[in-house]
Amino acid sequence: MAETRPRNHYIAAPGDTAAGPPNLVVPPFPCAPAELYQALRAVALAQPRTVLQSESPEELHMSFVQRTKFWRFPDDLVAQIVATENGGAALTLSSKARYGVEDFGVNKRRVKRWVAEVKARMAG
């Protein structure tokens, strides 16, 4: 039997990841990887209760911690951007509750919101 991803872990990506198929498929962005990196960084840091834990602009990798509103539980977010063959950029964004099994959909809503905000920022 195949192992499934916990309910408290949500992934957006252009295709399969090391953790299996993404929950949300995100098509590549028609921009340079560094441009997508800066857009995601700005979106993430504009979110409440969010702290940049580590980043490597050269490797197009960032990790954040965002605390939940009520209980202030930490959720870990990891973003990786890669260049695509056609000159665009692909985003993989993972959000996972650090504690517990149930997150009441917080990680799913967060990833969808961040992706939507990045798309809006990139559109104009």
C-alpha atoms as a PDB file:
ATOM      1  CA  MET A   1       0.000   0.000   0.000  1.00  0.00           C
ATOM      2  CA  ALA A   2       1.361   3.420  -0.988  1.00  0.00           C
ATOM      3  CA  GLU A   3       2.086   5.860   1.794  1.00  0.00           C
ATOM      4  CA  THR A   4      -0.018   9.014   1.643  1.00  0.00           C
ATOM      5  CA  ARG A   5       0.911  12.546   2.589  1.00  0.00           C
ATOM      6  CA  PRO A   6      -0.396  13.667   6.006  1.00  0.00           C
ATOM      7  CA  ARG A   7      -3.471  15.927   6.041  1.00  0.00           C
ATOM      8  CA  ASN A   8      -1.362  18.715   7.506  1.00  0.00           C
ATOM      9  CA  HIS A   9       1.035  18.864   4.522  1.00  0.00           C
ATOM     10  CA  TYR A  10       0.096  20.607   1.272  1.00  0.00           C
ATOM     11  CA  ILE A  11       2.294  20.931  -1.825  1.00  0.00           C
ATOM     12  CA  ALA A  12       1.968  23.051  -4.960  1.00  0.00           C
ATOM     13  CA  ALA A  13       4.313  22.102  -7.810  1.00  0.00           C
ATOM     14  CA  PRO A  14       4.439  21.806 -11.605  1.00  0.00           C
ATOM     15  CA  GLY A  15       4.542  17.996 -11.404  1.00  0.00           C
ATOM     16  CA  ASP A  16       5.556  15.093  -9.196  1.00  0.00           C
ATOM     17  CA  THR A  17       7.789  15.867  -6.235  1.00  0.00           C
ATOM     18  CA  ALA A  18       9.946  13.744  -3.939  1.00  0.00           C
ATOM     19  CA  ALA A  19       6.876  13.618  -1.662  1.00  0.00           C
ATOM     20  CA  GLY A  20       4.678  12.364  -4.515  1.00  0.00           C
ATOM     21  CA  PRO A  21       2.164  14.144  -6.722  1.00  0.00           C
ATOM     22  CA  PRO A  22       1.379  17.721  -5.703  1.00  0.00           C
ATOM     23  CA  ASN A  23      -1.953  18.646  -4.193  1.00  0.00           C
ATOM     24  CA  LEU A  24      -2.058  21.655  -6.520  1.00  0.00           C
ATOM     25  CA  VAL A  25      -0.474  21.667  -9.978  1.00  0.00           C
ATOM     26  CA  VAL A  26       1.113  25.040 -10.740  1.00  0.00           C
ATOM     27  CA  PRO A  27       2.114  25.657 -14.351  1.00  0.00           C
ATOM     28  CA  PRO A  28       5.529  27.258 -14.927  1.00  0.00           C
ATOM     29  CA  PHE A  29       5.696  31.044 -14.852  1.00  0.00           C
ATOM     30  CA  PRO A  30       6.816  32.901 -18.015  1.00  0.00           C
ATOM     31  CA  CYS A  31       9.592  34.829 -16.270  1.00  0.00           C
ATOM     32  CA  ALA A  32      13.167  34.487 -15.143  1.00  0.00           C
ATOM     33  CA  PRO A  33      13.675  32.334 -12.020  1.00  0.00           C
ATOM     34  CA  ALA A  34      15.201  35.263 -10.103  1.00  0.00           C
ATOM     35  CA  GLU A  35      12.085  37.360 -10.826  1.00  0.00           C
ATOM     36  CA  LEU A  36       9.801  34.619  -9.478  1.00  0.00           C
ATOM     37  CA  TYR A  37      12.068  34.260  -6.430  1.00  0.00           C
ATOM     38  CA  GLN A  38      11.750  37.963  -5.604  1.00  0.00           C
ATOM     39  CA  ALA A  39       7.967  37.933  -6.136  1.00  0.00           C
ATOM     40  CA  LEU A  40       7.476  34.951  -3.832  1.00  0.00           C
ATOM     41  CA  ARG A  41       9.790  36.439  -1.217  1.00  0.00           C
ATOM     42  CA  ALA A  42       7.799  39.682  -1.213  1.00  0.00           C
ATOM     43  CA  VAL A  43       4.460  37.851  -0.994  1.00  0.00           C
ATOM     44  CA  ALA A  44       5.669  35.638   1.847  1.00  0.00           C
ATOM     45  CA  LEU A  45       7.130  38.444   3.923  1.00  0.00           C
ATOM     46  CA  ALA A  46       3.916  40.467   3.553  1.00  0.00           C
ATOM     47  CA  GLN A  47       1.989  37.680   5.316  1.00  0.00           C
ATOM     48  CA  PRO A  48       1.191  38.069   9.014  1.00  0.00           C
ATOM     49  CA  ARG A  49       3.250  36.134  11.566  1.00  0.00           C
ATOM     50  CA  THR A  50       5.736  35.003   8.886  1.00  0.00           C
ATOM     51  CA  VAL A  51       9.504  34.889   9.356  1.00  0.00           C
ATOM     52  CA  LEU A  52      12.158  34.068   6.780  1.00  0.00           C
ATOM     53  CA  GLN A  53      14.168  31.197   8.318  1.00  0.00           C
ATOM     54  CA  SER A  54      16.749  30.737   5.574  1.00  0.00           C
ATOM     55  CA  GLU A  55      17.314  31.587   1.961  1.00  0.00           C
ATOM     56  CA  SER A  56      19.754  30.978  -0.829  1.00  0.00           C
ATOM     57  CA  PRO A  57      19.132  33.305  -3.780  1.00  0.00           C
ATOM     58  CA  GLU A  58      21.846  31.500  -5.741  1.00  0.00           C
ATOM     59  CA  GLU A  59      20.016  28.176  -5.318  1.00  0.00           C
ATOM     60  CA  LEU A  60      16.540  29.808  -5.539  1.00  0.00           C
ATOM     61  CA  HIS A  61      15.525  28.243  -2.226  1.00  0.00           C
ATOM     62  CA  MET A  62      13.730  29.777   0.785  1.00  0.00           C
ATOM     63  CA  SER A  63      12.202  28.511   3.995  1.00  0.00           C
ATOM     64  CA  PHE A  64       9.734  30.325   6.235  1.00  0.00           C
ATOM     65  CA  VAL A  65       7.846  29.782   9.465  1.00  0.00           C
ATOM     66  CA  GLN A  66       4.351  31.144   9.743  1.00  0.00           C
ATOM     67  CA  ARG A  67       2.524  30.877  13.053  1.00  0.00           C
ATOM     68  CA  THR A  68      -1.171  30.116  13.155  1.00  0.00           C
ATOM     69  CA  LYS A  69      -3.428  32.970  14.181  1.00  0.00           C
ATOM     70  CA  PHE A  70      -5.041  31.632  17.327  1.00  0.00           C
ATOM     71  CA  TRP A  71      -2.705  29.088  18.928  1.00  0.00           C
ATOM     72  CA  ARG A  72       0.501  30.434  17.303  1.00  0.00           C
ATOM     73  CA  PHE A  73       1.595  26.928  16.227  1.00  0.00           C
ATOM     74  CA  PRO A  74       4.541  27.031  13.788  1.00  0.00           C
ATOM     75  CA  ASP A  75       4.023  25.804  10.232  1.00  0.00           C
ATOM     76  CA  ASP A  76       7.058  25.237   8.016  1.00  0.00           C
ATOM     77  CA  LEU A  77       7.086  26.438   4.417  1.00  0.00           C
ATOM     78  CA  VAL A  78       9.721  25.546   1.862  1.00  0.00           C
ATOM     79  CA  ALA A  79       9.955  27.092  -1.599  1.00  0.00           C
ATOM     80  CA  GLN A  80      12.154  25.939  -4.465  1.00  0.00           C
ATOM     81  CA  ILE A  81      12.308  27.590  -7.872  1.00  0.00           C
ATOM     82  CA  VAL A  82      13.911  26.014 -10.926  1.00  0.00           C
ATOM     83  CA  ALA A  83      14.501  27.244 -14.441  1.00  0.00           C
ATOM     84  CA  THR A  84      12.444  25.582 -17.156  1.00  0.00           C
ATOM     85  CA  GLU A  85      13.712  24.596 -20.586  1.00  0.00           C
ATOM     86  CA  ASN A  86      11.789  27.402 -22.293  1.00  0.00           C
ATOM     87  CA  GLY A  87      13.300  30.164 -20.140  1.00  0.00           C
ATOM     88  CA  GLY A  88      10.519  30.308 -17.558  1.00  0.00           C
ATOM     89  CA  ALA A  89      10.481  29.333 -13.894  1.00  0.00           C
ATOM     90  CA  ALA A  90       8.743  26.558 -11.971  1.00  0.00           C
ATOM     91  CA  LEU A  91       7.716  26.856  -8.321  1.00  0.00           C
ATOM     92  CA  THR A  92       7.403  24.153  -5.705  1.00  0.00           C
ATOM     93  CA  LEU A  93       5.856  25.370  -2.452  1.00  0.00           C
ATOM     94  CA  SER A  94       5.310  23.096   0.544  1.00  0.00           C
ATOM     95  CA  SER A  95       3.502  23.999   3.768  1.00  0.00           C
ATOM     96  CA  LYS A  96       3.345  21.624   6.711  1.00  0.00           C
ATOM     97  CA  ALA A  97       2.223  21.847  10.311  1.00  0.00           C
ATOM     98  CA  ARG A  98       5.124  21.168  12.625  1.00  0.00           C
ATOM     99  CA  TYR A  99       2.925  19.631  15.322  1.00  0.00           C
ATOM    100  CA  GLY A 100      -0.135  17.427  15.227  1.00  0.00           C
ATOM    101  CA  VAL A 101      -1.974  15.749  12.403  1.00  0.00           C
ATOM    102  CA  GLU A 102      -4.976  17.988  11.837  1.00  0.00           C
ATOM    103  CA  ASP A 103      -4.509  21.539  10.566  1.00  0.00           C
ATOM    104  CA  PHE A 104      -8.149  22.297   9.647  1.00  0.00           C
ATOM    105  CA  GLY A 105      -7.100  23.175   6.090  1.00  0.00           C
ATOM    106  CA  VAL A 106      -4.739  25.984   7.097  1.00  0.00           C
ATOM    107  CA  ASN A 107      -1.818  24.757   4.966  1.00  0.00           C
ATOM    108  CA  LYS A 108      -4.007  24.194   1.904  1.00  0.00           C
ATOM    109  CA  ARG A 109      -5.530  27.669   2.136  1.00  0.00           C
ATOM    110  CA  ARG A 110      -2.099  29.215   2.743  1.00  0.00           C
ATOM    111  CA  VAL A 111      -0.428  27.607  -0.269  1.00  0.00           C
ATOM    112  CA  LYS A 112      -3.347  28.470  -2.550  1.00  0.00           C
ATOM    113  CA  ARG A 113      -3.340  32.069  -1.301  1.00  0.00           C
ATOM    114  CA  TRP A 114       0.429  32.505  -1.717  1.00  0.00           C
ATOM    115  CA  VAL A 115       0.357  31.026  -5.240  1.00  0.00           C
ATOM    116  CA  ALA A 116      -2.574  33.263  -6.200  1.00  0.00           C
ATOM    117  CA  GLU A 117      -0.798  36.333  -4.827  1.00  0.00           C
ATOM    118  CA  VAL A 118       2.404  35.469  -6.694  1.00  0.00           C
ATOM    119  CA  LYS A 119       0.411  35.021  -9.918  1.00  0.00           C
ATOM    120  CA  ALA A 120      -1.301  38.382  -9.387  1.00  0.00           C
ATOM    121  CA  ARG A 121       2.025  40.084  -8.658  1.00  0.00           C
ATOM    122  CA  MET A 122       3.604  38.562 -11.771  1.00  0.00           C
ATOM    123  CA  ALA A 123       0.624  39.594 -13.913  1.00  0.00           C
ATOM    124  CA  GLY A 124       1.083  43.221 -13.178  1.00  0.00           C
END
